[in-house]
């Protein structure tokens, strides 16, 4: 095989992986269950976080599904 044929084959394989990954993302979204806008509500009810939330943040925060926090000791 020439280099261009190998590149084309690799490109096709990559496209297949992307498509399969997109399908899995859609399946995961369909499986998500929980309270509607839970994290937005939790953040708005948290005294330490609510003052940081601006009106233009809310449409984005409505879509949060999983939030993880890491705390660090002061230097």
C-alpha atoms as a PDB file:
ATOM      1  CA  UNK A   1       0.000   0.000   0.000  1.00  0.00           C
ATOM      2  CA  UNK A   2       1.136   3.506  -0.735  1.00  0.00           C
ATOM      3  CA  UNK A   3       1.325   6.170   1.957  1.00  0.00           C
ATOM      4  CA  UNK A   4      -1.795   7.903   0.633  1.00  0.00           C
ATOM      5  CA  UNK A   5      -3.760   4.623   0.752  1.00  0.00           C
ATOM      6  CA  UNK A   6      -2.650   4.057   4.349  1.00  0.00           C
ATOM      7  CA  UNK A   7      -3.672   7.599   5.283  1.00  0.00           C
ATOM      8  CA  UNK A   8      -7.089   7.125   3.682  1.00  0.00           C
ATOM      9  CA  UNK A   9      -7.605   3.838   5.521  1.00  0.00           C
ATOM     10  CA  UNK A  10      -6.602   5.407   8.838  1.00  0.00           C
ATOM     11  CA  UNK A  11      -8.915   8.358   8.186  1.00  0.00           C
ATOM     12  CA  UNK A  12     -11.844   6.013   7.504  1.00  0.00           C
ATOM     13  CA  UNK A  13     -11.111   4.080  10.702  1.00  0.00           C
ATOM     14  CA  UNK A  14     -11.033   7.333  12.672  1.00  0.00           C
ATOM     15  CA  UNK A  15     -14.393   8.394  11.216  1.00  0.00           C
ATOM     16  CA  UNK A  16     -15.895   5.066  12.329  1.00  0.00           C
ATOM     17  CA  UNK A  17     -14.595   5.587  15.867  1.00  0.00           C
ATOM     18  CA  UNK A  18     -16.026   9.123  15.981  1.00  0.00           C
ATOM     19  CA  UNK A  19     -19.450   7.924  14.845  1.00  0.00           C
ATOM     20  CA  UNK A  20     -19.486   5.064  17.360  1.00  0.00           C
ATOM     21  CA  UNK A  21     -18.470   7.481  20.123  1.00  0.00           C
ATOM     22  CA  UNK A  22     -21.270   9.890  19.209  1.00  0.00           C
ATOM     23  CA  UNK A  23     -23.810   7.061  19.412  1.00  0.00           C
ATOM     24  CA  UNK A  24     -22.575   6.120  22.893  1.00  0.00           C
ATOM     25  CA  UNK A  25     -22.871   9.757  24.030  1.00  0.00           C
ATOM     26  CA  UNK A  26     -26.502   9.826  22.886  1.00  0.00           C
ATOM     27  CA  UNK A  27     -27.210   6.546  24.704  1.00  0.00           C
ATOM     28  CA  UNK A  28     -25.659   7.898  27.899  1.00  0.00           C
ATOM     29  CA  UNK A  29     -27.763  11.063  27.706  1.00  0.00           C
ATOM     30  CA  UNK A  30     -30.917   8.978  27.324  1.00  0.00           C
ATOM     31  CA  UNK A  31     -30.016   6.902  30.387  1.00  0.00           C
ATOM     32  CA  UNK A  32     -29.458   9.911  32.664  1.00  0.00           C
ATOM     33  CA  UNK A  33     -32.163  10.201  35.284  1.00  0.00           C
ATOM     34  CA  UNK A  34     -32.524  12.627  38.123  1.00  0.00           C
ATOM     35  CA  UNK A  35     -34.002  15.919  39.145  1.00  0.00           C
ATOM     36  CA  UNK A  36     -34.479  18.514  36.426  1.00  0.00           C
ATOM     37  CA  UNK A  37     -31.922  21.353  36.763  1.00  0.00           C
ATOM     38  CA  UNK A  38     -30.649  19.868  40.044  1.00  0.00           C
ATOM     39  CA  UNK A  39     -27.172  21.421  39.970  1.00  0.00           C
ATOM     40  CA  UNK A  40     -28.406  24.880  38.989  1.00  0.00           C
ATOM     41  CA  UNK A  41     -30.855  24.798  41.891  1.00  0.00           C
ATOM     42  CA  UNK A  42     -28.205  23.491  44.287  1.00  0.00           C
ATOM     43  CA  UNK A  43     -25.730  26.191  43.246  1.00  0.00           C
ATOM     44  CA  UNK A  44     -28.341  28.953  43.544  1.00  0.00           C
ATOM     45  CA  UNK A  45     -29.165  27.749  47.071  1.00  0.00           C
ATOM     46  CA  UNK A  46     -25.530  27.595  48.181  1.00  0.00           C
ATOM     47  CA  UNK A  47     -24.440  30.819  49.926  1.00  0.00           C
ATOM     48  CA  UNK A  48     -20.818  30.379  48.874  1.00  0.00           C
ATOM     49  CA  UNK A  49     -21.638  29.782  45.197  1.00  0.00           C
ATOM     50  CA  UNK A  50     -24.814  31.738  44.471  1.00  0.00           C
ATOM     51  CA  UNK A  51     -23.083  35.121  44.355  1.00  0.00           C
ATOM     52  CA  UNK A  52     -20.796  33.879  41.561  1.00  0.00           C
ATOM     53  CA  UNK A  53     -23.657  32.812  39.267  1.00  0.00           C
ATOM     54  CA  UNK A  54     -24.645  35.407  36.703  1.00  0.00           C
ATOM     55  CA  UNK A  55     -27.822  35.417  34.639  1.00  0.00           C
ATOM     56  CA  UNK A  56     -25.984  34.388  31.462  1.00  0.00           C
ATOM     57  CA  UNK A  57     -24.539  31.331  33.298  1.00  0.00           C
ATOM     58  CA  UNK A  58     -27.934  29.797  34.052  1.00  0.00           C
ATOM     59  CA  UNK A  59     -28.767  28.336  30.603  1.00  0.00           C
ATOM     60  CA  UNK A  60     -25.455  26.468  30.658  1.00  0.00           C
ATOM     61  CA  UNK A  61     -25.703  25.332  34.279  1.00  0.00           C
ATOM     62  CA  UNK A  62     -29.142  23.814  33.561  1.00  0.00           C
ATOM     63  CA  UNK A  63     -27.403  21.069  31.571  1.00  0.00           C
ATOM     64  CA  UNK A  64     -24.977  19.886  34.264  1.00  0.00           C
ATOM     65  CA  UNK A  65     -25.309  16.190  35.062  1.00  0.00           C
ATOM     66  CA  UNK A  66     -22.300  15.295  37.174  1.00  0.00           C
ATOM     67  CA  UNK A  67     -20.187  17.682  39.236  1.00  0.00           C
ATOM     68  CA  UNK A  68     -16.996  16.762  41.065  1.00  0.00           C
ATOM     69  CA  UNK A  69     -15.103  19.140  43.333  1.00  0.00           C
ATOM     70  CA  UNK A  70     -11.561  18.971  44.606  1.00  0.00           C
ATOM     71  CA  UNK A  71     -10.433  21.036  47.549  1.00  0.00           C
ATOM     72  CA  UNK A  72      -6.864  22.115  48.076  1.00  0.00           C
ATOM     73  CA  UNK A  73      -5.136  23.149  51.269  1.00  0.00           C
ATOM     74  CA  UNK A  74      -4.005  26.769  51.377  1.00  0.00           C
ATOM     75  CA  UNK A  75      -0.338  27.158  50.366  1.00  0.00           C
END
